[in-house]
Amino acid sequence: MISKEQYLGAMKKEVSIIKHLGEKVTEEQFAWKPTDGQRTMAELMRYLTHIFVMGAESVATGDGEAYKKYVDSPMPTRENFSNMMDEEFVQFLGFIEPLSEDDMKIEISMWGMKQTRAAHL
């Protein structure tokens, strides 16, 4: 199992990569989607601006329904996507940093699975 510090470092890197890729998306590409029934690029970017904090809050609080408050999150633009990712990471840290290594080892039942907080994350 990786440590909490390693996990947070990996998440910071992931957010950095997502922000970099988001800078490459043009306005014309926002409406593009690979196939019918899949998210548009704009919808995918919106999803990315809340998925990490959504999971972190659920696991930290044990509330598997926490995601519901994020479903109607605002749609990002090219100009604010990076800032929205930064804000999400700060919120994410707010849920994960207070958890001790022992807290991460506690098993919780959520989303049909019983496993440690670390495994859920």
PDB file of N, CA and C in Angstrom:
ATOM      1  N   MET A   1       0.854  -1.188   0.000  1.00  0.00           N
ATOM      2  CA  MET A   1       0.000   0.000   0.000  1.00  0.00           C
ATOM      3  C   MET A   1       0.891   1.240   0.000  1.00  0.00           C
ATOM      4  N   ILE A   2       0.497   2.232  -0.756  1.00  0.00           N
ATOM      5  CA  ILE A   2       1.261   3.471  -0.766  1.00  0.00           C
ATOM      6  C   ILE A   2       0.867   4.316   0.445  1.00  0.00           C
ATOM      7  N   SER A   3       1.737   5.217   0.833  1.00  0.00           N
ATOM      8  CA  SER A   3       1.450   6.094   1.964  1.00  0.00           C
ATOM      9  C   SER A   3       0.528   7.223   1.522  1.00  0.00           C
ATOM     10  N   LYS A   4      -0.045   7.892   2.494  1.00  0.00           N
ATOM     11  CA  LYS A   4      -0.906   9.038   2.192  1.00  0.00           C
ATOM     12  C   LYS A   4      -0.101  10.111   1.467  1.00  0.00           C
ATOM     13  N   GLU A   5       1.129  10.311   1.885  1.00  0.00           N
ATOM     14  CA  GLU A   5       1.992  11.307   1.254  1.00  0.00           C
ATOM     15  C   GLU A   5       2.224  10.971  -0.223  1.00  0.00           C
ATOM     16  N   GLN A   6       2.477   9.701  -0.523  1.00  0.00           N
ATOM     17  CA  GLN A   6       2.661   9.282  -1.910  1.00  0.00           C
ATOM     18  C   GLN A   6       1.373   9.478  -2.716  1.00  0.00           C
ATOM     19  N   TYR A   7       0.244   9.146  -2.112  1.00  0.00           N
ATOM     20  CA  TYR A   7      -1.048   9.314  -2.772  1.00  0.00           C
ATOM     21  C   TYR A   7      -1.288  10.783  -3.121  1.00  0.00           C
ATOM     22  N   LEU A   8      -1.049  11.672  -2.154  1.00  0.00           N
ATOM     23  CA  LEU A   8      -1.265  13.094  -2.401  1.00  0.00           C
ATOM     24  C   LEU A   8      -0.317  13.614  -3.480  1.00  0.00           C
ATOM     25  N   GLY A   9       0.917  13.122  -3.485  1.00  0.00           N
ATOM     26  CA  GLY A   9       1.863  13.520  -4.530  1.00  0.00           C
ATOM     27  C   GLY A   9       1.397  13.070  -5.907  1.00  0.00           C
ATOM     28  N   ALA A  10       0.876  11.845  -5.981  1.00  0.00           N
ATOM     29  CA  ALA A  10       0.369  11.328  -7.251  1.00  0.00           C
ATOM     30  C   ALA A  10      -0.837  12.136  -7.721  1.00  0.00           C
ATOM     31  N   MET A  11      -1.723  12.491  -6.794  1.00  0.00           N
ATOM     32  CA  MET A  11      -2.905  13.277  -7.166  1.00  0.00           C
ATOM     33  C   MET A  11      -2.503  14.674  -7.640  1.00  0.00           C
ATOM     34  N   LYS A  12      -1.514  15.262  -6.988  1.00  0.00           N
ATOM     35  CA  LYS A  12      -1.043  16.579  -7.413  1.00  0.00           C
ATOM     36  C   LYS A  12      -0.512  16.513  -8.842  1.00  0.00           C
ATOM     37  N   LYS A  13       0.215  15.452  -9.150  1.00  0.00           N
ATOM     38  CA  LYS A  13       0.746  15.258 -10.502  1.00  0.00           C
ATOM     39  C   LYS A  13      -0.394  15.058 -11.499  1.00  0.00           C
ATOM     40  N   GLU A  14      -1.396  14.268 -11.130  1.00  0.00           N
ATOM     41  CA  GLU A  14      -2.547  14.041 -12.016  1.00  0.00           C
ATOM     42  C   GLU A  14      -3.251  15.360 -12.344  1.00  0.00           C
ATOM     43  N   VAL A  15      -3.464  16.183 -11.336  1.00  0.00           N
ATOM     44  CA  VAL A  15      -4.128  17.472 -11.561  1.00  0.00           C
ATOM     45  C   VAL A  15      -3.285  18.340 -12.484  1.00  0.00           C
ATOM     46  N   SER A  16      -1.979  18.312 -12.302  1.00  0.00           N
ATOM     47  CA  SER A  16      -1.081  19.081 -13.167  1.00  0.00           C
ATOM     48  C   SER A  16      -1.196  18.621 -14.624  1.00  0.00           C
ATOM     49  N   ILE A  17      -1.247  17.328 -14.833  1.00  0.00           N
ATOM     50  CA  ILE A  17      -1.375  16.775 -16.190  1.00  0.00           C
ATOM     51  C   ILE A  17      -2.719  17.170 -16.799  1.00  0.00           C
ATOM     52  N   ILE A  18      -3.786  17.057 -16.017  1.00  0.00           N
ATOM     53  CA  ILE A  18      -5.121  17.417 -16.514  1.00  0.00           C
ATOM     54  C   ILE A  18      -5.167  18.895 -16.892  1.00  0.00           C
ATOM     55  N   LYS A  19      -4.582  19.745 -16.062  1.00  0.00           N
ATOM     56  CA  LYS A  19      -4.552  21.180 -16.370  1.00  0.00           C
ATOM     57  C   LYS A  19      -3.785  21.435 -17.669  1.00  0.00           C
ATOM     58  N   HIS A  20      -2.663  20.762 -17.830  1.00  0.00           N
ATOM     59  CA  HIS A  20      -1.859  20.924 -19.046  1.00  0.00           C
ATOM     60  C   HIS A  20      -2.660  20.510 -20.279  1.00  0.00           C
ATOM     61  N   LEU A  21      -3.328  19.363 -20.196  1.00  0.00           N
ATOM     62  CA  LEU A  21      -4.135  18.906 -21.325  1.00  0.00           C
ATOM     63  C   LEU A  21      -5.310  19.843 -21.581  1.00  0.00           C
ATOM     64  N   GLY A  22      -5.899  20.372 -20.513  1.00  0.00           N
ATOM     65  CA  GLY A  22      -7.010  21.304 -20.665  1.00  0.00           C
ATOM     66  C   GLY A  22      -6.617  22.559 -21.421  1.00  0.00           C
ATOM     67  N   GLU A  23      -5.361  22.979 -21.278  1.00  0.00           N
ATOM     68  CA  GLU A  23      -4.870  24.157 -21.997  1.00  0.00           C
ATOM     69  C   GLU A  23      -4.820  23.919 -23.504  1.00  0.00           C
ATOM     70  N   LYS A  24      -4.786  22.670 -23.915  1.00  0.00           N
ATOM     71  CA  LYS A  24      -4.685  22.325 -25.339  1.00  0.00           C
ATOM     72  C   LYS A  24      -6.046  22.312 -26.037  1.00  0.00           C
ATOM     73  N   VAL A  25      -7.132  22.300 -25.269  1.00  0.00           N
ATOM     74  CA  VAL A  25      -8.477  22.233 -25.845  1.00  0.00           C
ATOM     75  C   VAL A  25      -8.867  23.605 -26.393  1.00  0.00           C
ATOM     76  N   THR A  26      -9.292  23.621 -27.645  1.00  0.00           N
ATOM     77  CA  THR A  26      -9.727  24.873 -28.266  1.00  0.00           C
ATOM     78  C   THR A  26     -11.232  25.056 -28.055  1.00  0.00           C
ATOM     79  N   GLU A  27     -11.702  26.257 -28.276  1.00  0.00           N
ATOM     80  CA  GLU A  27     -13.136  26.545 -28.155  1.00  0.00           C
ATOM     81  C   GLU A  27     -13.948  25.648 -29.088  1.00  0.00           C
ATOM     82  N   GLU A  28     -13.423  25.407 -30.278  1.00  0.00           N
ATOM     83  CA  GLU A  28     -14.122  24.587 -31.258  1.00  0.00           C
ATOM     84  C   GLU A  28     -14.269  23.145 -30.785  1.00  0.00           C
ATOM     85  N   GLN A  29     -13.380  22.689 -29.939  1.00  0.00           N
ATOM     86  CA  GLN A  29     -13.393  21.305 -29.471  1.00  0.00           C
ATOM     87  C   GLN A  29     -14.327  21.077 -28.284  1.00  0.00           C
ATOM     88  N   PHE A  30     -14.819  22.126 -27.676  1.00  0.00           N
ATOM     89  CA  PHE A  30     -15.670  21.975 -26.490  1.00  0.00           C
ATOM     90  C   PHE A  30     -16.926  21.154 -26.759  1.00  0.00           C
ATOM     91  N   ALA A  31     -17.477  21.248 -27.948  1.00  0.00           N
ATOM     92  CA  ALA A  31     -18.706  20.522 -28.271  1.00  0.00           C
ATOM     93  C   ALA A  31     -18.438  19.125 -28.837  1.00  0.00           C
ATOM     94  N   TRP A  32     -17.173  18.786 -29.088  1.00  0.00           N
ATOM     95  CA  TRP A  32     -16.828  17.490 -29.678  1.00  0.00           C
ATOM     96  C   TRP A  32     -17.027  16.362 -28.678  1.00  0.00           C
ATOM     97  N   LYS A  33     -17.526  15.231 -29.183  1.00  0.00           N
ATOM     98  CA  LYS A  33     -17.578  14.015 -28.377  1.00  0.00           C
ATOM     99  C   LYS A  33     -17.230  12.840 -29.279  1.00  0.00           C
ATOM    100  N   PRO A  34     -16.573  11.842 -28.715  1.00  0.00           N
ATOM    101  CA  PRO A  34     -16.103  10.724 -29.544  1.00  0.00           C
ATOM    102  C   PRO A  34     -17.221   9.990 -30.280  1.00  0.00           C
ATOM    103  N   THR A  35     -18.306   9.702 -29.575  1.00  0.00           N
ATOM    104  CA  THR A  35     -19.450   9.025 -30.186  1.00  0.00           C
ATOM    105  C   THR A  35     -20.712   9.503 -29.506  1.00  0.00           C
ATOM    106  N   ASP A  36     -21.851   9.255 -30.141  1.00  0.00           N
ATOM    107  CA  ASP A  36     -23.124   9.584 -29.507  1.00  0.00           C
ATOM    108  C   ASP A  36     -23.215   8.838 -28.182  1.00  0.00           C
ATOM    109  N   GLY A  37     -23.782   9.473 -27.192  1.00  0.00           N
ATOM    110  CA  GLY A  37     -23.939   8.844 -25.894  1.00  0.00           C
ATOM    111  C   GLY A  37     -22.749   9.069 -24.962  1.00  0.00           C
ATOM    112  N   GLN A  38     -21.682   9.655 -25.463  1.00  0.00           N
ATOM    113  CA  GLN A  38     -20.544   9.971 -24.611  1.00  0.00           C
ATOM    114  C   GLN A  38     -20.542  11.461 -24.290  1.00  0.00           C
ATOM    115  N   ARG A  39     -19.749  11.825 -23.294  1.00  0.00           N
ATOM    116  CA  ARG A  39     -19.654  13.228 -22.896  1.00  0.00           C
ATOM    117  C   ARG A  39     -18.973  14.055 -23.988  1.00  0.00           C
ATOM    118  N   THR A  40     -19.408  15.316 -24.082  1.00  0.00           N
ATOM    119  CA  THR A  40     -18.663  16.264 -24.912  1.00  0.00           C
ATOM    120  C   THR A  40     -17.384  16.609 -24.155  1.00  0.00           C
ATOM    121  N   MET A  41     -16.472  17.259 -24.816  1.00  0.00           N
ATOM    122  CA  MET A  41     -15.236  17.687 -24.166  1.00  0.00           C
ATOM    123  C   MET A  41     -15.555  18.623 -22.997  1.00  0.00           C
ATOM    124  N   ALA A  42     -16.514  19.523 -23.179  1.00  0.00           N
ATOM    125  CA  ALA A  42     -16.892  20.446 -22.103  1.00  0.00           C
ATOM    126  C   ALA A  42     -17.458  19.679 -20.903  1.00  0.00           C
ATOM    127  N   GLU A  43     -18.286  18.672 -21.174  1.00  0.00           N
ATOM    128  CA  GLU A  43     -18.854  17.870 -20.091  1.00  0.00           C
ATOM    129  C   GLU A  43     -17.772  17.072 -19.366  1.00  0.00           C
ATOM    130  N   LEU A  44     -16.803  16.549 -20.111  1.00  0.00           N
ATOM    131  CA  LEU A  44     -15.693  15.834 -19.501  1.00  0.00           C
ATOM    132  C   LEU A  44     -14.880  16.767 -18.609  1.00  0.00           C
ATOM    133  N   MET A  45     -14.627  17.970 -19.084  1.00  0.00           N
ATOM    134  CA  MET A  45     -13.856  18.935 -18.290  1.00  0.00           C
ATOM    135  C   MET A  45     -14.628  19.312 -17.026  1.00  0.00           C
ATOM    136  N   ARG A  46     -15.933  19.455 -17.145  1.00  0.00           N
ATOM    137  CA  ARG A  46     -16.745  19.730 -15.955  1.00  0.00           C
ATOM    138  C   ARG A  46     -16.639  18.579 -14.964  1.00  0.00           C
ATOM    139  N   TYR A  47     -16.739  17.363 -15.433  1.00  0.00           N
ATOM    140  CA  TYR A  47     -16.606  16.172 -14.597  1.00  0.00           C
ATOM    141  C   TYR A  47     -15.256  16.182 -13.860  1.00  0.00           C
ATOM    142  N   LEU A  48     -14.207  16.523 -14.579  1.00  0.00           N
ATOM    143  CA  LEU A  48     -12.873  16.539 -13.974  1.00  0.00           C
ATOM    144  C   LEU A  48     -12.726  17.599 -12.883  1.00  0.00           C
ATOM    145  N   THR A  49     -13.544  18.659 -12.950  1.00  0.00           N
ATOM    146  CA  THR A  49     -13.439  19.723 -11.946  1.00  0.00           C
ATOM    147  C   THR A  49     -14.148  19.387 -10.637  1.00  0.00           C
ATOM    148  N   HIS A  50     -14.750  18.192 -10.546  1.00  0.00           N
ATOM    149  CA  HIS A  50     -15.375  17.825  -9.268  1.00  0.00           C
ATOM    150  C   HIS A  50     -15.215  16.360  -8.871  1.00  0.00           C
ATOM    151  N   ILE A  51     -14.722  15.501  -9.750  1.00  0.00           N
ATOM    152  CA  ILE A  51     -14.694  14.077  -9.447  1.00  0.00           C
ATOM    153  C   ILE A  51     -13.752  13.742  -8.284  1.00  0.00           C
ATOM    154  N   PHE A  52     -12.623  14.411  -8.183  1.00  0.00           N
ATOM    155  CA  PHE A  52     -11.671  14.080  -7.120  1.00  0.00           C
ATOM    156  C   PHE A  52     -12.196  14.496  -5.749  1.00  0.00           C
ATOM    157  N   VAL A  53     -12.727  15.697  -5.656  1.00  0.00           N
ATOM    158  CA  VAL A  53     -13.253  16.157  -4.364  1.00  0.00           C
ATOM    159  C   VAL A  53     -14.509  15.380  -3.993  1.00  0.00           C
ATOM    160  N   MET A  54     -15.278  15.011  -4.976  1.00  0.00           N
ATOM    161  CA  MET A  54     -16.490  14.239  -4.735  1.00  0.00           C
ATOM    162  C   MET A  54     -16.150  12.908  -4.065  1.00  0.00           C
ATOM    163  N   GLY A  55     -15.185  12.199  -4.600  1.00  0.00           N
ATOM    164  CA  GLY A  55     -14.769  10.933  -4.012  1.00  0.00           C
ATOM    165  C   GLY A  55     -14.110  11.112  -2.669  1.00  0.00           C
ATOM    166  N   ALA A  56     -13.276  12.139  -2.540  1.00  0.00           N
ATOM    167  CA  ALA A  56     -12.571  12.385  -1.283  1.00  0.00           C
ATOM    168  C   ALA A  56     -13.555  12.700  -0.160  1.00  0.00           C
ATOM    169  N   GLU A  57     -14.547  13.520  -0.448  1.00  0.00           N
ATOM    170  CA  GLU A  57     -15.540  13.841   0.580  1.00  0.00           C
ATOM    171  C   GLU A  57     -16.309  12.594   0.983  1.00  0.00           C
ATOM    172  N   SER A  58     -16.710  11.813   0.013  1.00  0.00           N
ATOM    173  CA  SER A  58     -17.461  10.590   0.318  1.00  0.00           C
ATOM    174  C   SER A  58     -16.658   9.661   1.214  1.00  0.00           C
ATOM    175  N   VAL A  59     -15.410   9.429   0.873  1.00  0.00           N
ATOM    176  CA  VAL A  59     -14.575   8.503   1.635  1.00  0.00           C
ATOM    177  C   VAL A  59     -14.228   9.077   3.009  1.00  0.00           C
ATOM    178  N   ALA A  60     -13.917  10.353   3.072  1.00  0.00           N
ATOM    179  CA  ALA A  60     -13.538  10.962   4.351  1.00  0.00           C
ATOM    180  C   ALA A  60     -14.709  10.995   5.334  1.00  0.00           C
ATOM    181  N   THR A  61     -15.918  11.248   4.816  1.00  0.00           N
ATOM    182  CA  THR A  61     -17.079  11.388   5.693  1.00  0.00           C
ATOM    183  C   THR A  61     -17.886  10.104   5.814  1.00  0.00           C
ATOM    184  N   GLY A  62     -17.657   9.166   4.902  1.00  0.00           N
ATOM    185  CA  GLY A  62     -18.446   7.936   4.894  1.00  0.00           C
ATOM    186  C   GLY A  62     -19.814   8.110   4.260  1.00  0.00           C
ATOM    187  N   ASP A  63     -20.027   9.240   3.601  1.00  0.00           N
ATOM    188  CA  ASP A  63     -21.308   9.543   2.962  1.00  0.00           C
ATOM    189  C   ASP A  63     -21.225   9.247   1.465  1.00  0.00           C
ATOM    190  N   GLY A  64     -21.698   8.091   1.056  1.00  0.00           N
ATOM    191  CA  GLY A  64     -21.667   7.704  -0.338  1.00  0.00           C
ATOM    192  C   GLY A  64     -22.569   8.532  -1.233  1.00  0.00           C
ATOM    193  N   GLU A  65     -23.375   9.390  -0.639  1.00  0.00           N
ATOM    194  CA  GLU A  65     -24.278  10.253  -1.405  1.00  0.00           C
ATOM    195  C   GLU A  65     -23.726  11.673  -1.567  1.00  0.00           C
ATOM    196  N   ALA A  66     -22.527  11.914  -1.078  1.00  0.00           N
ATOM    197  CA  ALA A  66     -21.950  13.268  -1.118  1.00  0.00           C
ATOM    198  C   ALA A  66     -21.835  13.803  -2.542  1.00  0.00           C
ATOM    199  N   TYR A  67     -21.715  12.912  -3.504  1.00  0.00           N
ATOM    200  CA  TYR A  67     -21.556  13.326  -4.898  1.00  0.00           C
ATOM    201  C   TYR A  67     -22.718  14.175  -5.392  1.00  0.00           C
ATOM    202  N   LYS A  68     -23.884  13.988  -4.801  1.00  0.00           N
ATOM    203  CA  LYS A  68     -25.085  14.661  -5.319  1.00  0.00           C
ATOM    204  C   LYS A  68     -24.961  16.178  -5.326  1.00  0.00           C
ATOM    205  N   LYS A  69     -24.219  16.733  -4.377  1.00  0.00           N
ATOM    206  CA  LYS A  69     -24.095  18.192  -4.332  1.00  0.00           C
ATOM    207  C   LYS A  69     -23.195  18.747  -5.433  1.00  0.00           C
ATOM    208  N   TYR A  70     -22.472  17.876  -6.135  1.00  0.00           N
ATOM    209  CA  TYR A  70     -21.556  18.319  -7.176  1.00  0.00           C
ATOM    210  C   TYR A  70     -22.105  18.118  -8.587  1.00  0.00           C
ATOM    211  N   VAL A  71     -23.208  17.444  -8.710  1.00  0.00           N
ATOM    212  CA  VAL A  71     -23.743  17.075 -10.022  1.00  0.00           C
ATOM    213  C   VAL A  71     -24.020  18.302 -10.891  1.00  0.00           C
ATOM    214  N   ASP A  72     -24.494  19.370 -10.319  1.00  0.00           N
ATOM    215  CA  ASP A  72     -24.816  20.568 -11.093  1.00  0.00           C
ATOM    216  C   ASP A  72     -23.717  21.619 -11.010  1.00  0.00           C
ATOM    217  N   SER A  73     -22.477  21.163 -10.940  1.00  0.00           N
ATOM    218  CA  SER A  73     -21.357  22.104 -10.854  1.00  0.00           C
ATOM    219  C   SER A  73     -21.283  22.940 -12.131  1.00  0.00           C
ATOM    220  N   PRO A  74     -20.694  24.130 -12.042  1.00  0.00           N
ATOM    221  CA  PRO A  74     -20.648  25.010 -13.215  1.00  0.00           C
ATOM    222  C   PRO A  74     -19.789  24.428 -14.344  1.00  0.00           C
ATOM    223  N   MET A  75     -20.120  24.809 -15.550  1.00  0.00           N
ATOM    224  CA  MET A  75     -19.375  24.372 -16.732  1.00  0.00           C
ATOM    225  C   MET A  75     -18.111  25.227 -16.845  1.00  0.00           C
ATOM    226  N   PRO A  76     -16.954  24.592 -16.960  1.00  0.00           N
ATOM    227  CA  PRO A  76     -15.724  25.380 -17.099  1.00  0.00           C
ATOM    228  C   PRO A  76     -15.602  25.992 -18.487  1.00  0.00           C
ATOM    229  N   THR A  77     -14.753  26.975 -18.573  1.00  0.00           N
ATOM    230  CA  THR A  77     -14.381  27.587 -19.854  1.00  0.00           C
ATOM    231  C   THR A  77     -12.876  27.370 -20.033  1.00  0.00           C
ATOM    232  N   ARG A  78     -12.376  27.688 -21.183  1.00  0.00           N
ATOM    233  CA  ARG A  78     -10.924  27.608 -21.388  1.00  0.00           C
ATOM    234  C   ARG A  78     -10.199  28.484 -20.374  1.00  0.00           C
ATOM    235  N   GLU A  79     -10.782  29.623 -20.092  1.00  0.00           N
ATOM    236  CA  GLU A  79     -10.136  30.601 -19.228  1.00  0.00           C
ATOM    237  C   GLU A  79     -10.123  30.186 -17.762  1.00  0.00           C
ATOM    238  N   ASN A  80     -11.153  29.471 -17.295  1.00  0.00           N
ATOM    239  CA  ASN A  80     -11.220  29.178 -15.857  1.00  0.00           C
ATOM    240  C   ASN A  80     -10.978  27.709 -15.494  1.00  0.00           C
ATOM    241  N   PHE A  81     -10.746  26.852 -16.484  1.00  0.00           N
ATOM    242  CA  PHE A  81     -10.578  25.428 -16.192  1.00  0.00           C
ATOM    243  C   PHE A  81      -9.421  25.172 -15.232  1.00  0.00           C
ATOM    244  N   SER A  82      -8.286  25.773 -15.481  1.00  0.00           N
ATOM    245  CA  SER A  82      -7.116  25.565 -14.626  1.00  0.00           C
ATOM    246  C   SER A  82      -7.402  26.019 -13.190  1.00  0.00           C
ATOM    247  N   ASN A  83      -8.042  27.173 -13.042  1.00  0.00           N
ATOM    248  CA  ASN A  83      -8.387  27.663 -11.699  1.00  0.00           C
ATOM    249  C   ASN A  83      -9.399  26.749 -11.013  1.00  0.00           C
ATOM    250  N   MET A  84     -10.348  26.223 -11.784  1.00  0.00           N
ATOM    251  CA  MET A  84     -11.338  25.306 -11.196  1.00  0.00           C
ATOM    252  C   MET A  84     -10.653  24.020 -10.721  1.00  0.00           C
ATOM    253  N   MET A  85      -9.661  23.541 -11.467  1.00  0.00           N
ATOM    254  CA  MET A  85      -8.909  22.359 -11.048  1.00  0.00           C
ATOM    255  C   MET A  85      -8.111  22.648  -9.778  1.00  0.00           C
ATOM    256  N   ASP A  86      -7.514  23.848  -9.713  1.00  0.00           N
ATOM    257  CA  ASP A  86      -6.768  24.234  -8.508  1.00  0.00           C
ATOM    258  C   ASP A  86      -7.694  24.288  -7.293  1.00  0.00           C
ATOM    259  N   GLU A  87      -8.882  24.876  -7.484  1.00  0.00           N
ATOM    260  CA  GLU A  87      -9.856  24.959  -6.385  1.00  0.00           C
ATOM    261  C   GLU A  87     -10.291  23.570  -5.945  1.00  0.00           C
ATOM    262  N   GLU A  88     -10.503  22.690  -6.901  1.00  0.00           N
ATOM    263  CA  GLU A  88     -10.895  21.331  -6.560  1.00  0.00           C
ATOM    264  C   GLU A  88      -9.799  20.649  -5.748  1.00  0.00           C
ATOM    265  N   PHE A  89      -8.540  20.841  -6.136  1.00  0.00           N
ATOM    266  CA  PHE A  89      -7.445  20.194  -5.423  1.00  0.00           C
ATOM    267  C   PHE A  89      -7.348  20.702  -3.990  1.00  0.00           C
ATOM    268  N   VAL A  90      -7.575  21.981  -3.779  1.00  0.00           N
ATOM    269  CA  VAL A  90      -7.572  22.541  -2.418  1.00  0.00           C
ATOM    270  C   VAL A  90      -8.691  21.899  -1.598  1.00  0.00           C
ATOM    271  N   GLN A  91      -9.880  21.785  -2.183  1.00  0.00           N
ATOM    272  CA  GLN A  91     -10.995  21.130  -1.479  1.00  0.00           C
ATOM    273  C   GLN A  91     -10.666  19.660  -1.204  1.00  0.00           C
ATOM    274  N   PHE A  92     -10.089  18.991  -2.178  1.00  0.00           N
ATOM    275  CA  PHE A  92      -9.675  17.603  -2.047  1.00  0.00           C
ATOM    276  C   PHE A  92      -8.727  17.447  -0.854  1.00  0.00           C
ATOM    277  N   LEU A  93      -7.718  18.308  -0.793  1.00  0.00           N
ATOM    278  CA  LEU A  93      -6.769  18.260   0.324  1.00  0.00           C
ATOM    279  C   LEU A  93      -7.461  18.479   1.660  1.00  0.00           C
ATOM    280  N   GLY A  94      -8.480  19.324   1.671  1.00  0.00           N
ATOM    281  CA  GLY A  94      -9.222  19.595   2.900  1.00  0.00           C
ATOM    282  C   GLY A  94      -9.882  18.351   3.475  1.00  0.00           C
ATOM    283  N   PHE A  95     -10.217  17.398   2.626  1.00  0.00           N
ATOM    284  CA  PHE A  95     -10.815  16.145   3.101  1.00  0.00           C
ATOM    285  C   PHE A  95      -9.764  15.081   3.414  1.00  0.00           C
ATOM    286  N   ILE A  96      -8.673  15.060   2.655  1.00  0.00           N
ATOM    287  CA  ILE A  96      -7.694  13.986   2.793  1.00  0.00           C
ATOM    288  C   ILE A  96      -6.613  14.290   3.830  1.00  0.00           C
ATOM    289  N   GLU A  97      -6.119  15.511   3.867  1.00  0.00           N
ATOM    290  CA  GLU A  97      -5.021  15.825   4.794  1.00  0.00           C
ATOM    291  C   GLU A  97      -5.337  15.517   6.254  1.00  0.00           C
ATOM    292  N   PRO A  98      -6.555  15.770   6.743  1.00  0.00           N
ATOM    293  CA  PRO A  98      -6.831  15.469   8.155  1.00  0.00           C
ATOM    294  C   PRO A  98      -6.839  13.974   8.500  1.00  0.00           C
ATOM    295  N   LEU A  99      -6.958  13.112   7.493  1.00  0.00           N
ATOM    296  CA  LEU A  99      -6.992  11.681   7.752  1.00  0.00           C
ATOM    297  C   LEU A  99      -5.593  11.178   8.101  1.00  0.00           C
ATOM    298  N   SER A 100      -5.479  10.440   9.189  1.00  0.00           N
ATOM    299  CA  SER A 100      -4.199   9.849   9.566  1.00  0.00           C
ATOM    300  C   SER A 100      -3.979   8.569   8.769  1.00  0.00           C
ATOM    301  N   GLU A 101      -2.773   8.032   8.853  1.00  0.00           N
ATOM    302  CA  GLU A 101      -2.490   6.746   8.203  1.00  0.00           C
ATOM    303  C   GLU A 101      -3.421   5.671   8.761  1.00  0.00           C
ATOM    304  N   ASP A 102      -3.707   5.738  10.078  1.00  0.00           N
ATOM    305  CA  ASP A 102      -4.629   4.770  10.683  1.00  0.00           C
ATOM    306  C   ASP A 102      -6.048   4.945  10.143  1.00  0.00           C
ATOM    307  N   ASP A 103      -6.473   6.207   9.945  1.00  0.00           N
ATOM    308  CA  ASP A 103      -7.796   6.470   9.362  1.00  0.00           C
ATOM    309  C   ASP A 103      -7.902   5.852   7.968  1.00  0.00           C
ATOM    310  N   MET A 104      -6.806   5.898   7.215  1.00  0.00           N
ATOM    311  CA  MET A 104      -6.805   5.366   5.856  1.00  0.00           C
ATOM    312  C   MET A 104      -6.962   3.844   5.842  1.00  0.00           C
ATOM    313  N   LYS A 105      -6.600   3.190   6.948  1.00  0.00           N
ATOM    314  CA  LYS A 105      -6.676   1.721   7.039  1.00  0.00           C
ATOM    315  C   LYS A 105      -8.041   1.222   7.516  1.00  0.00           C
ATOM    316  N   ILE A 106      -8.898   2.126   7.971  1.00  0.00           N
ATOM    317  CA  ILE A 106     -10.218   1.736   8.474  1.00  0.00           C
ATOM    318  C   ILE A 106     -11.087   1.272   7.308  1.00  0.00           C
ATOM    319  N   GLU A 107     -11.736   0.131   7.493  1.00  0.00           N
ATOM    320  CA  GLU A 107     -12.643  -0.381   6.465  1.00  0.00           C
ATOM    321  C   GLU A 107     -13.992   0.308   6.573  1.00  0.00           C
ATOM    322  N   ILE A 108     -14.507   0.701   5.427  1.00  0.00           N
ATOM    323  CA  ILE A 108     -15.840   1.294   5.360  1.00  0.00           C
ATOM    324  C   ILE A 108     -16.606   0.619   4.235  1.00  0.00           C
ATOM    325  N   SER A 109     -17.924   0.579   4.368  1.00  0.00           N
ATOM    326  CA  SER A 109     -18.789   0.032   3.325  1.00  0.00           C
ATOM    327  C   SER A 109     -19.367   1.196   2.531  1.00  0.00           C
ATOM    328  N   MET A 110     -19.084   1.175   1.244  1.00  0.00           N
ATOM    329  CA  MET A 110     -19.578   2.244   0.391  1.00  0.00           C
ATOM    330  C   MET A 110     -19.619   1.752  -1.046  1.00  0.00           C
ATOM    331  N   TRP A 111     -20.627   2.159  -1.761  1.00  0.00           N
ATOM    332  CA  TRP A 111     -20.764   1.847  -3.184  1.00  0.00           C
ATOM    333  C   TRP A 111     -20.722   0.328  -3.429  1.00  0.00           C
ATOM    334  N   GLY A 112     -21.310  -0.414  -2.501  1.00  0.00           N
ATOM    335  CA  GLY A 112     -21.392  -1.858  -2.659  1.00  0.00           C
ATOM    336  C   GLY A 112     -20.122  -2.627  -2.328  1.00  0.00           C
ATOM    337  N   MET A 113     -19.145  -1.932  -1.743  1.00  0.00           N
ATOM    338  CA  MET A 113     -17.871  -2.589  -1.414  1.00  0.00           C
ATOM    339  C   MET A 113     -17.464  -2.258   0.017  1.00  0.00           C
ATOM    340  N   LYS A 114     -16.875  -3.227   0.686  1.00  0.00           N
ATOM    341  CA  LYS A 114     -16.301  -2.982   2.004  1.00  0.00           C
ATOM    342  C   LYS A 114     -14.790  -3.099   1.843  1.00  0.00           C
ATOM    343  N   GLN A 115     -14.116  -1.986   2.035  1.00  0.00           N
ATOM    344  CA  GLN A 115     -12.659  -1.949   1.922  1.00  0.00           C
ATOM    345  C   GLN A 115     -12.129  -0.739   2.679  1.00  0.00           C
ATOM    346  N   THR A 116     -10.816  -0.618   2.757  1.00  0.00           N
ATOM    347  CA  THR A 116     -10.236   0.494   3.488  1.00  0.00           C
ATOM    348  C   THR A 116     -10.521   1.806   2.784  1.00  0.00           C
ATOM    349  N   ARG A 117     -10.417   2.885   3.539  1.00  0.00           N
ATOM    350  CA  ARG A 117     -10.566   4.206   2.918  1.00  0.00           C
ATOM    351  C   ARG A 117      -9.537   4.349   1.796  1.00  0.00           C
ATOM    352  N   ALA A 118      -8.313   3.923   2.075  1.00  0.00           N
ATOM    353  CA  ALA A 118      -7.260   4.037   1.056  1.00  0.00           C
ATOM    354  C   ALA A 118      -7.649   3.316  -0.218  1.00  0.00           C
ATOM    355  N   ALA A 119      -8.203   2.132  -0.119  1.00  0.00           N
ATOM    356  CA  ALA A 119      -8.601   1.374  -1.306  1.00  0.00           C
ATOM    357  C   ALA A 119      -9.742   2.065  -2.041  1.00  0.00           C
ATOM    358  N   HIS A 120     -10.680   2.655  -1.308  1.00  0.00           N
ATOM    359  CA  HIS A 120     -11.775   3.391  -1.955  1.00  0.00           C
ATOM    360  C   HIS A 120     -11.219   4.568  -2.740  1.00  0.00           C
ATOM    361  N   LEU A 121     -10.246   5.247  -2.171  1.00  0.00           N
ATOM    362  CA  LEU A 121      -9.660   6.388  -2.874  1.00  0.00           C
ATOM    363  C   LEU A 121      -8.905   5.936  -4.104  1.00  0.00           C
TER     364      LEU A 121
END
